Structures are given as structure tokens and as C-alpha cells.
Amino acid sequence: MSQTEKGSEPRSKRGKGALWLALGGGCAMTLLLELIGQGEVHEGLKETFAFYAIFGFVSCAMLIVVAKLLGIVLKVEESYYD
């Protein structure tokens, strides 16, 4: 069997199409909900100066902290794969 046959592709190449499809489906669903939805907007915090910039920065910082904590929790010994 050659390496280019469908069944012998690495897992990352086979799953890439499914990930793009899931991303596109999620974006399409969000757009559809935005177009048909008449959600109630509470204008409290959103009127604060630079709310979305601050929200984005805090969210990114929280993601970094969670990733660091996961790295500590999921760390394995160096001899694990030996």
C-alpha cells in the first residue's frame, strides 16, 4: 500500500476537513440566529468605554491562565514514554 491511499493518511489530515466543516457550520448557525433573533439587549456594561477591548483582553488572559494550569495538572514524568 502506498502512503497516499485514503486509509493510510495521518489522523490530522483526515480530521482537518471535518474541523473546517464544523467551523463553517457554527459560523452559519450564528449568522442565521443573528438574522432571525430579536434578542433583548441589556445596555448596562456594554455602554462602558472600551468594554469590548477590556472584555477581549480579560478573556484572553483567562484562557492563558487556564492553559498554564492545565499544563501543570496534566504534566507527565520525563520517563513516561520510555
N, C-alpha and C. Protein backbone atom coordinates (compact mmCIF):
# COMPACT_ATOMS: atom_id res chain seq x y z
N MET A 1 0.83 -1.19 0.00
CA MET A 1 0.00 0.00 0.00
C MET A 1 0.87 1.25 0.00
N SER A 2 0.43 2.24 -0.70
CA SER A 2 1.20 3.48 -0.74
C SER A 2 0.71 4.44 0.33
N GLN A 3 1.52 5.43 0.64
CA GLN A 3 1.18 6.39 1.68
C GLN A 3 0.06 7.33 1.28
N THR A 4 -0.24 7.43 -0.01
CA THR A 4 -1.23 8.40 -0.45
C THR A 4 -2.65 7.84 -0.47
N GLU A 5 -2.82 6.56 -0.14
CA GLU A 5 -4.16 5.99 -0.11
C GLU A 5 -4.95 6.61 1.03
N LYS A 6 -6.28 6.64 0.87
CA LYS A 6 -7.14 7.33 1.81
C LYS A 6 -7.04 6.79 3.24
N GLY A 7 -7.00 5.51 3.40
CA GLY A 7 -6.99 4.92 4.73
C GLY A 7 -5.68 5.09 5.47
N SER A 8 -4.59 5.40 4.78
CA SER A 8 -3.30 5.48 5.45
C SER A 8 -2.86 6.91 5.73
N GLU A 9 -3.73 7.89 5.50
CA GLU A 9 -3.35 9.27 5.79
C GLU A 9 -3.26 9.46 7.30
N PRO A 10 -2.39 10.34 7.72
CA PRO A 10 -2.32 10.63 9.16
C PRO A 10 -3.64 11.17 9.68
N ARG A 11 -3.88 10.97 10.94
CA ARG A 11 -5.15 11.38 11.54
C ARG A 11 -5.38 12.88 11.39
N SER A 12 -4.35 13.69 11.47
CA SER A 12 -4.51 15.14 11.40
C SER A 12 -5.01 15.59 10.04
N LYS A 13 -4.62 14.91 8.97
CA LYS A 13 -5.07 15.30 7.63
C LYS A 13 -6.51 14.87 7.40
N ARG A 14 -6.91 13.71 7.96
CA ARG A 14 -8.27 13.23 7.77
C ARG A 14 -9.26 14.10 8.53
N GLY A 15 -8.91 14.56 9.72
CA GLY A 15 -9.82 15.32 10.55
C GLY A 15 -9.90 16.79 10.20
N LYS A 16 -8.98 17.26 9.37
CA LYS A 16 -8.93 18.68 9.04
C LYS A 16 -10.20 19.13 8.32
N GLY A 17 -10.69 18.32 7.40
CA GLY A 17 -11.91 18.67 6.67
C GLY A 17 -13.12 18.74 7.59
N ALA A 18 -13.19 17.83 8.55
CA ALA A 18 -14.30 17.83 9.49
C ALA A 18 -14.26 19.06 10.38
N LEU A 19 -13.06 19.48 10.78
CA LEU A 19 -12.95 20.69 11.60
C LEU A 19 -13.39 21.93 10.83
N TRP A 20 -12.98 22.03 9.57
CA TRP A 20 -13.39 23.18 8.76
C TRP A 20 -14.90 23.17 8.56
N LEU A 21 -15.48 21.99 8.37
CA LEU A 21 -16.92 21.88 8.20
C LEU A 21 -17.65 22.30 9.48
N ALA A 22 -17.15 21.88 10.64
CA ALA A 22 -17.75 22.26 11.91
C ALA A 22 -17.63 23.77 12.14
N LEU A 23 -16.50 24.35 11.80
CA LEU A 23 -16.31 25.80 11.94
C LEU A 23 -17.28 26.55 11.05
N GLY A 24 -17.37 26.13 9.80
CA GLY A 24 -18.29 26.79 8.87
C GLY A 24 -19.74 26.65 9.30
N GLY A 25 -20.10 25.46 9.80
CA GLY A 25 -21.47 25.25 10.28
C GLY A 25 -21.78 26.11 11.49
N GLY A 26 -20.83 26.23 12.40
CA GLY A 26 -21.03 27.08 13.57
C GLY A 26 -21.18 28.55 13.20
N CYS A 27 -20.37 29.00 12.25
CA CYS A 27 -20.48 30.39 11.79
C CYS A 27 -21.82 30.63 11.09
N ALA A 28 -22.24 29.69 10.26
CA ALA A 28 -23.52 29.83 9.55
C ALA A 28 -24.68 29.84 10.54
N MET A 29 -24.62 28.97 11.56
CA MET A 29 -25.68 28.94 12.56
C MET A 29 -25.74 30.24 13.35
N THR A 30 -24.58 30.77 13.71
CA THR A 30 -24.55 32.04 14.43
C THR A 30 -25.14 33.17 13.59
N LEU A 31 -24.77 33.21 12.31
CA LEU A 31 -25.31 34.24 11.42
C LEU A 31 -26.81 34.10 11.28
N LEU A 32 -27.30 32.87 11.13
CA LEU A 32 -28.74 32.64 11.00
C LEU A 32 -29.48 33.08 12.26
N LEU A 33 -28.95 32.73 13.41
CA LEU A 33 -29.59 33.15 14.66
C LEU A 33 -29.57 34.66 14.83
N GLU A 34 -28.52 35.30 14.38
CA GLU A 34 -28.43 36.76 14.46
C GLU A 34 -29.47 37.41 13.55
N LEU A 35 -29.70 36.83 12.39
CA LEU A 35 -30.65 37.40 11.44
C LEU A 35 -32.09 37.20 11.87
N ILE A 36 -32.42 36.04 12.46
CA ILE A 36 -33.81 35.77 12.81
C ILE A 36 -34.13 36.11 14.25
N GLY A 37 -33.13 36.26 15.09
CA GLY A 37 -33.36 36.51 16.50
C GLY A 37 -33.59 37.97 16.81
N GLN A 38 -34.50 38.21 17.71
CA GLN A 38 -34.77 39.56 18.19
C GLN A 38 -34.48 39.59 19.69
N GLY A 39 -33.25 39.29 20.04
CA GLY A 39 -32.85 39.19 21.44
C GLY A 39 -32.95 40.53 22.17
N GLU A 40 -33.24 40.42 23.45
CA GLU A 40 -33.33 41.60 24.29
C GLU A 40 -31.93 42.01 24.71
N VAL A 41 -31.59 43.27 24.52
CA VAL A 41 -30.26 43.76 24.85
C VAL A 41 -30.32 44.58 26.12
N HIS A 42 -29.50 44.20 27.08
CA HIS A 42 -29.38 44.98 28.31
C HIS A 42 -28.17 45.88 28.15
N GLU A 43 -28.38 47.17 28.19
CA GLU A 43 -27.33 48.13 27.86
C GLU A 43 -26.50 48.58 29.06
N GLY A 44 -26.36 47.80 30.09
CA GLY A 44 -25.62 48.21 31.27
C GLY A 44 -24.13 48.35 31.03
N LEU A 45 -23.42 47.25 31.02
CA LEU A 45 -21.97 47.27 30.87
C LEU A 45 -21.52 47.59 29.45
N LYS A 46 -22.34 47.28 28.47
CA LYS A 46 -21.93 47.47 27.08
C LYS A 46 -21.72 48.95 26.74
N GLU A 47 -22.26 49.84 27.53
CA GLU A 47 -22.06 51.26 27.27
C GLU A 47 -20.78 51.80 27.88
N THR A 48 -20.08 50.97 28.66
CA THR A 48 -18.82 51.37 29.27
C THR A 48 -17.77 51.60 28.18
N PHE A 49 -16.92 52.61 28.39
CA PHE A 49 -15.88 52.93 27.42
C PHE A 49 -14.95 51.74 27.22
N ALA A 50 -14.73 51.34 26.00
CA ALA A 50 -13.83 50.26 25.61
C ALA A 50 -14.21 48.93 26.23
N PHE A 51 -15.51 48.68 26.38
CA PHE A 51 -15.98 47.44 27.00
C PHE A 51 -15.48 46.22 26.25
N TYR A 52 -15.60 46.19 24.93
CA TYR A 52 -15.23 45.01 24.17
C TYR A 52 -13.71 44.80 24.15
N ALA A 53 -12.95 45.85 24.18
CA ALA A 53 -11.49 45.70 24.26
C ALA A 53 -11.09 45.12 25.61
N ILE A 54 -11.68 45.61 26.68
CA ILE A 54 -11.38 45.10 28.02
C ILE A 54 -11.86 43.66 28.15
N PHE A 55 -13.07 43.39 27.66
CA PHE A 55 -13.62 42.04 27.72
C PHE A 55 -12.74 41.06 26.95
N GLY A 56 -12.28 41.45 25.79
CA GLY A 56 -11.41 40.58 25.00
C GLY A 56 -10.08 40.33 25.69
N PHE A 57 -9.49 41.38 26.28
CA PHE A 57 -8.22 41.23 26.97
C PHE A 57 -8.36 40.31 28.18
N VAL A 58 -9.39 40.51 28.97
CA VAL A 58 -9.60 39.68 30.16
C VAL A 58 -9.88 38.23 29.76
N SER A 59 -10.65 38.03 28.71
CA SER A 59 -10.94 36.68 28.24
C SER A 59 -9.67 35.98 27.78
N CYS A 60 -8.82 36.68 27.04
CA CYS A 60 -7.56 36.11 26.57
C CYS A 60 -6.65 35.79 27.74
N ALA A 61 -6.58 36.67 28.71
CA ALA A 61 -5.74 36.42 29.89
C ALA A 61 -6.24 35.21 30.66
N MET A 62 -7.56 35.06 30.77
CA MET A 62 -8.12 33.89 31.46
C MET A 62 -7.80 32.60 30.71
N LEU A 63 -7.85 32.64 29.39
CA LEU A 63 -7.50 31.46 28.60
C LEU A 63 -6.05 31.06 28.83
N ILE A 64 -5.16 32.03 28.90
CA ILE A 64 -3.75 31.74 29.13
C ILE A 64 -3.55 31.13 30.51
N VAL A 65 -4.20 31.67 31.52
CA VAL A 65 -4.07 31.14 32.88
C VAL A 65 -4.61 29.71 32.95
N VAL A 66 -5.76 29.46 32.34
CA VAL A 66 -6.33 28.11 32.35
C VAL A 66 -5.41 27.14 31.62
N ALA A 67 -4.83 27.56 30.50
CA ALA A 67 -3.91 26.70 29.77
C ALA A 67 -2.68 26.38 30.60
N LYS A 68 -2.15 27.36 31.30
CA LYS A 68 -0.99 27.12 32.17
C LYS A 68 -1.34 26.13 33.29
N LEU A 69 -2.52 26.31 33.89
CA LEU A 69 -2.95 25.40 34.95
C LEU A 69 -3.15 23.98 34.42
N LEU A 70 -3.72 23.85 33.24
CA LEU A 70 -3.88 22.53 32.63
C LEU A 70 -2.52 21.89 32.35
N GLY A 71 -1.56 22.70 31.94
CA GLY A 71 -0.22 22.18 31.70
C GLY A 71 0.40 21.63 32.97
N ILE A 72 0.15 22.28 34.08
CA ILE A 72 0.68 21.81 35.36
C ILE A 72 -0.03 20.54 35.79
N VAL A 73 -1.36 20.52 35.66
CA VAL A 73 -2.14 19.37 36.10
C VAL A 73 -1.88 18.14 35.24
N LEU A 74 -1.74 18.31 33.93
CA LEU A 74 -1.61 17.19 33.02
C LEU A 74 -0.17 16.80 32.73
N LYS A 75 0.79 17.41 33.40
CA LYS A 75 2.20 17.11 33.17
C LYS A 75 2.51 15.67 33.53
N VAL A 76 3.32 15.01 32.68
CA VAL A 76 3.74 13.64 32.95
C VAL A 76 5.25 13.62 33.19
N GLU A 77 5.71 12.54 33.79
CA GLU A 77 7.15 12.41 34.04
C GLU A 77 7.91 12.28 32.74
N GLU A 78 9.19 12.64 32.77
CA GLU A 78 10.01 12.55 31.56
C GLU A 78 10.17 11.11 31.08
N SER A 79 10.15 10.16 31.99
CA SER A 79 10.34 8.75 31.61
C SER A 79 9.02 8.08 31.23
N TYR A 80 7.95 8.82 31.07
CA TYR A 80 6.63 8.25 30.78
C TYR A 80 6.63 7.46 29.47
N TYR A 81 7.27 7.99 28.45
CA TYR A 81 7.23 7.36 27.13
C TYR A 81 8.35 6.34 26.90
N ASP A 82 9.18 6.13 27.87
CA ASP A 82 10.29 5.16 27.71
C ASP A 82 9.82 3.74 27.88
